Amino acid sequence: MRKKSYLDKNVYEESLDRIRYLYDSFDKIVVSFSGGKDSTAVLNMDYKQSIEVAKEKDQLPLKVVFFDEEAIHPPTIEYVKRVYDRPDIDLEWYCLEFKHRNACSNEEPYWYTWDQDKKDLW
């Protein structure tokens, strides 16, 4: 069994170092965001640290990607729009046709987001 080793840093300081490592290692850093409660918590936690490091590295605005799955509750869309409007975030909003499993129907086991054949329903 591996023995524990302790750092002389707190979790926040260590997370900043990890984000700095990403900025130093890759050309582009992107935060994935769905607008839901889990990704909001991740965005807010990572956001603060990512913004702090992005400022250090002169890499603002923070790149964020949102994948719109068409059937999203309107308040979630309103929230994503508020995030989109932030000057320190560059949010790319994707609406792509994508095949999903349909757990609500035995006759139609799949449904497609942004189905080109059903534009009238958008």
C-alpha atoms as a PDB file:
ATOM      1  CA  MET A   1       0.000   0.000   0.000  1.00  0.00           C
ATOM      2  CA  ARG A   2       1.225   3.456  -0.899  1.00  0.00           C
ATOM      3  CA  LYS A   3       2.019   5.785   1.983  1.00  0.00           C
ATOM      4  CA  LYS A   4       0.238   9.157   2.103  1.00  0.00           C
ATOM      5  CA  SER A   5       2.272  12.246   1.447  1.00  0.00           C
ATOM      6  CA  TYR A   6       1.156  15.692   2.485  1.00  0.00           C
ATOM      7  CA  LEU A   7       1.742  18.950   0.651  1.00  0.00           C
ATOM      8  CA  ASP A   8       2.519  22.307   2.191  1.00  0.00           C
ATOM      9  CA  LYS A   9      -0.264  23.833   0.059  1.00  0.00           C
ATOM     10  CA  ASN A  10      -3.984  24.070   0.522  1.00  0.00           C
ATOM     11  CA  VAL A  11      -6.437  22.760  -2.075  1.00  0.00           C
ATOM     12  CA  TYR A  12      -6.994  26.205  -3.606  1.00  0.00           C
ATOM     13  CA  GLU A  13      -3.265  26.863  -4.117  1.00  0.00           C
ATOM     14  CA  GLU A  14      -2.776  23.389  -5.581  1.00  0.00           C
ATOM     15  CA  SER A  15      -5.701  23.885  -7.987  1.00  0.00           C
ATOM     16  CA  LEU A  16      -4.137  27.144  -9.204  1.00  0.00           C
ATOM     17  CA  ASP A  17      -0.880  25.299  -9.880  1.00  0.00           C
ATOM     18  CA  ARG A  18      -2.748  22.599 -11.816  1.00  0.00           C
ATOM     19  CA  ILE A  19      -4.560  25.182 -13.940  1.00  0.00           C
ATOM     20  CA  ARG A  20      -1.251  27.015 -14.532  1.00  0.00           C
ATOM     21  CA  TYR A  21       0.174  23.696 -15.713  1.00  0.00           C
ATOM     22  CA  LEU A  22      -2.688  23.393 -18.222  1.00  0.00           C
ATOM     23  CA  TYR A  23      -2.132  26.918 -19.561  1.00  0.00           C
ATOM     24  CA  ASP A  24       1.602  26.225 -19.822  1.00  0.00           C
ATOM     25  CA  SER A  25       1.097  22.851 -21.543  1.00  0.00           C
ATOM     26  CA  PHE A  26      -1.719  23.470 -24.039  1.00  0.00           C
ATOM     27  CA  ASP A  27      -2.590  26.086 -26.644  1.00  0.00           C
ATOM     28  CA  LYS A  28      -6.223  26.432 -25.634  1.00  0.00           C
ATOM     29  CA  ILE A  29      -8.049  25.815 -22.353  1.00  0.00           C
ATOM     30  CA  VAL A  30     -11.821  25.248 -22.559  1.00  0.00           C
ATOM     31  CA  VAL A  31     -14.378  24.703 -19.783  1.00  0.00           C
ATOM     32  CA  SER A  32     -17.346  22.511 -20.719  1.00  0.00           C
ATOM     33  CA  PHE A  33     -20.664  23.839 -19.402  1.00  0.00           C
ATOM     34  CA  SER A  34     -24.222  22.421 -19.604  1.00  0.00           C
ATOM     35  CA  GLY A  35     -26.035  25.035 -17.533  1.00  0.00           C
ATOM     36  CA  GLY A  36     -27.123  22.408 -15.003  1.00  0.00           C
ATOM     37  CA  LYS A  37     -26.389  22.428 -11.294  1.00  0.00           C
ATOM     38  CA  ASP A  38     -23.342  20.155 -11.500  1.00  0.00           C
ATOM     39  CA  SER A  39     -21.605  21.976 -14.319  1.00  0.00           C
ATOM     40  CA  THR A  40     -22.543  25.312 -12.712  1.00  0.00           C
ATOM     41  CA  ALA A  41     -20.732  24.227  -9.550  1.00  0.00           C
ATOM     42  CA  VAL A  42     -17.737  23.116 -11.613  1.00  0.00           C
ATOM     43  CA  LEU A  43     -17.792  26.304 -13.702  1.00  0.00           C
ATOM     44  CA  ASN A  44     -18.000  28.493 -10.610  1.00  0.00           C
ATOM     45  CA  MET A  45     -15.258  26.608  -8.837  1.00  0.00           C
ATOM     46  CA  ASP A  46     -13.024  26.228 -11.868  1.00  0.00           C
ATOM     47  CA  TYR A  47     -14.112  29.609 -13.179  1.00  0.00           C
ATOM     48  CA  LYS A  48     -12.694  31.582 -10.269  1.00  0.00           C
ATOM     49  CA  GLN A  49      -9.398  29.756 -10.419  1.00  0.00           C
ATOM     50  CA  SER A  50      -9.338  29.655 -14.223  1.00  0.00           C
ATOM     51  CA  ILE A  51     -10.076  33.387 -14.441  1.00  0.00           C
ATOM     52  CA  GLU A  52      -7.340  34.104 -11.919  1.00  0.00           C
ATOM     53  CA  VAL A  53      -4.783  32.091 -13.897  1.00  0.00           C
ATOM     54  CA  ALA A  54      -6.085  33.355 -17.264  1.00  0.00           C
ATOM     55  CA  LYS A  55      -5.489  36.912 -16.011  1.00  0.00           C
ATOM     56  CA  GLU A  56      -1.958  35.953 -14.921  1.00  0.00           C
ATOM     57  CA  LYS A  57      -1.310  34.402 -18.340  1.00  0.00           C
ATOM     58  CA  ASP A  58      -3.059  37.205 -20.267  1.00  0.00           C
ATOM     59  CA  GLN A  59      -5.524  34.598 -21.642  1.00  0.00           C
ATOM     60  CA  LEU A  60      -8.889  36.251 -20.986  1.00  0.00           C
ATOM     61  CA  PRO A  61     -11.672  35.750 -21.881  1.00  0.00           C
ATOM     62  CA  LEU A  62     -12.082  32.209 -20.548  1.00  0.00           C
ATOM     63  CA  LYS A  63     -13.226  29.818 -23.278  1.00  0.00           C
ATOM     64  CA  VAL A  64     -16.445  27.956 -22.376  1.00  0.00           C
ATOM     65  CA  VAL A  65     -18.390  25.489 -24.541  1.00  0.00           C
ATOM     66  CA  PHE A  66     -22.143  24.893 -24.191  1.00  0.00           C
ATOM     67  CA  PHE A  67     -23.882  22.048 -26.062  1.00  0.00           C
ATOM     68  CA  ASP A  68     -27.590  22.899 -26.455  1.00  0.00           C
ATOM     69  CA  GLU A  69     -29.602  19.673 -26.499  1.00  0.00           C
ATOM     70  CA  GLU A  70     -32.811  21.452 -27.594  1.00  0.00           C
ATOM     71  CA  ALA A  71     -35.024  20.141 -24.767  1.00  0.00           C
ATOM     72  CA  ILE A  72     -33.652  22.402 -22.044  1.00  0.00           C
ATOM     73  CA  HIS A  73     -35.784  24.066 -19.379  1.00  0.00           C
ATOM     74  CA  PRO A  74     -36.240  27.810 -20.224  1.00  0.00           C
ATOM     75  CA  PRO A  75     -34.711  29.112 -16.950  1.00  0.00           C
ATOM     76  CA  THR A  76     -31.571  27.109 -17.757  1.00  0.00           C
ATOM     77  CA  ILE A  77     -31.371  28.784 -21.173  1.00  0.00           C
ATOM     78  CA  GLU A  78     -31.821  32.187 -19.490  1.00  0.00           C
ATOM     79  CA  TYR A  79     -28.975  31.359 -17.118  1.00  0.00           C
ATOM     80  CA  VAL A  80     -26.699  30.223 -19.953  1.00  0.00           C
ATOM     81  CA  LYS A  81     -27.463  33.517 -21.752  1.00  0.00           C
ATOM     82  CA  ARG A  82     -26.326  35.432 -18.647  1.00  0.00           C
ATOM     83  CA  VAL A  83     -23.081  33.442 -18.598  1.00  0.00           C
ATOM     84  CA  TYR A  84     -22.739  34.089 -22.356  1.00  0.00           C
ATOM     85  CA  ASP A  85     -22.981  37.844 -21.751  1.00  0.00           C
ATOM     86  CA  ARG A  86     -20.136  37.971 -19.234  1.00  0.00           C
ATOM     87  CA  PRO A  87     -17.206  39.965 -20.637  1.00  0.00           C
ATOM     88  CA  ASP A  88     -14.610  37.619 -19.106  1.00  0.00           C
ATOM     89  CA  ILE A  89     -16.155  34.525 -20.771  1.00  0.00           C
ATOM     90  CA  ASP A  90     -16.077  33.568 -24.452  1.00  0.00           C
ATOM     91  CA  LEU A  91     -18.924  31.043 -24.613  1.00  0.00           C
ATOM     92  CA  GLU A  92     -19.396  29.010 -27.791  1.00  0.00           C
ATOM     93  CA  TRP A  93     -23.006  27.794 -28.054  1.00  0.00           C
ATOM     94  CA  TYR A  94     -23.495  24.669 -30.176  1.00  0.00           C
ATOM     95  CA  CYS A  95     -26.846  23.406 -31.521  1.00  0.00           C
ATOM     96  CA  LEU A  96     -25.985  20.160 -33.288  1.00  0.00           C
ATOM     97  CA  GLU A  97     -28.104  17.306 -34.582  1.00  0.00           C
ATOM     98  CA  PHE A  98     -27.323  14.412 -32.275  1.00  0.00           C
ATOM     99  CA  LYS A  99     -28.835  10.959 -31.740  1.00  0.00           C
ATOM    100  CA  HIS A 100     -30.139  10.218 -28.219  1.00  0.00           C
ATOM    101  CA  ARG A 101     -31.708   7.134 -26.644  1.00  0.00           C
ATOM    102  CA  ASN A 102     -35.404   7.711 -25.995  1.00  0.00           C
ATOM    103  CA  ALA A 103     -36.388   6.095 -22.688  1.00  0.00           C
ATOM    104  CA  CYS A 104     -39.973   7.352 -23.044  1.00  0.00           C
ATOM    105  CA  SER A 105     -41.043   5.362 -26.098  1.00  0.00           C
ATOM    106  CA  ASN A 106     -40.786   1.776 -27.293  1.00  0.00           C
ATOM    107  CA  GLU A 107     -41.942   2.774 -30.788  1.00  0.00           C
ATOM    108  CA  GLU A 108     -39.242   5.436 -31.223  1.00  0.00           C
ATOM    109  CA  PRO A 109     -36.140   4.224 -29.377  1.00  0.00           C
ATOM    110  CA  TYR A 110     -34.128   7.290 -30.506  1.00  0.00           C
ATOM    111  CA  TRP A 111     -34.689  10.999 -30.925  1.00  0.00           C
ATOM    112  CA  TYR A 112     -32.492  13.617 -32.567  1.00  0.00           C
ATOM    113  CA  THR A 113     -31.733  17.052 -31.188  1.00  0.00           C
ATOM    114  CA  TRP A 114     -32.193  19.814 -33.766  1.00  0.00           C
ATOM    115  CA  ASP A 115     -33.668  17.281 -36.219  1.00  0.00           C
ATOM    116  CA  GLN A 116     -33.655  18.981 -39.629  1.00  0.00           C
ATOM    117  CA  ASP A 117     -36.851  17.118 -40.569  1.00  0.00           C
ATOM    118  CA  LYS A 118     -38.705  18.618 -37.563  1.00  0.00           C
ATOM    119  CA  LYS A 119     -37.720  22.292 -37.773  1.00  0.00           C
ATOM    120  CA  ASP A 120     -41.370  23.255 -37.317  1.00  0.00           C
ATOM    121  CA  LEU A 121     -41.185  21.847 -33.756  1.00  0.00           C
ATOM    122  CA  TRP A 122     -38.123  23.845 -32.710  1.00  0.00           C
END
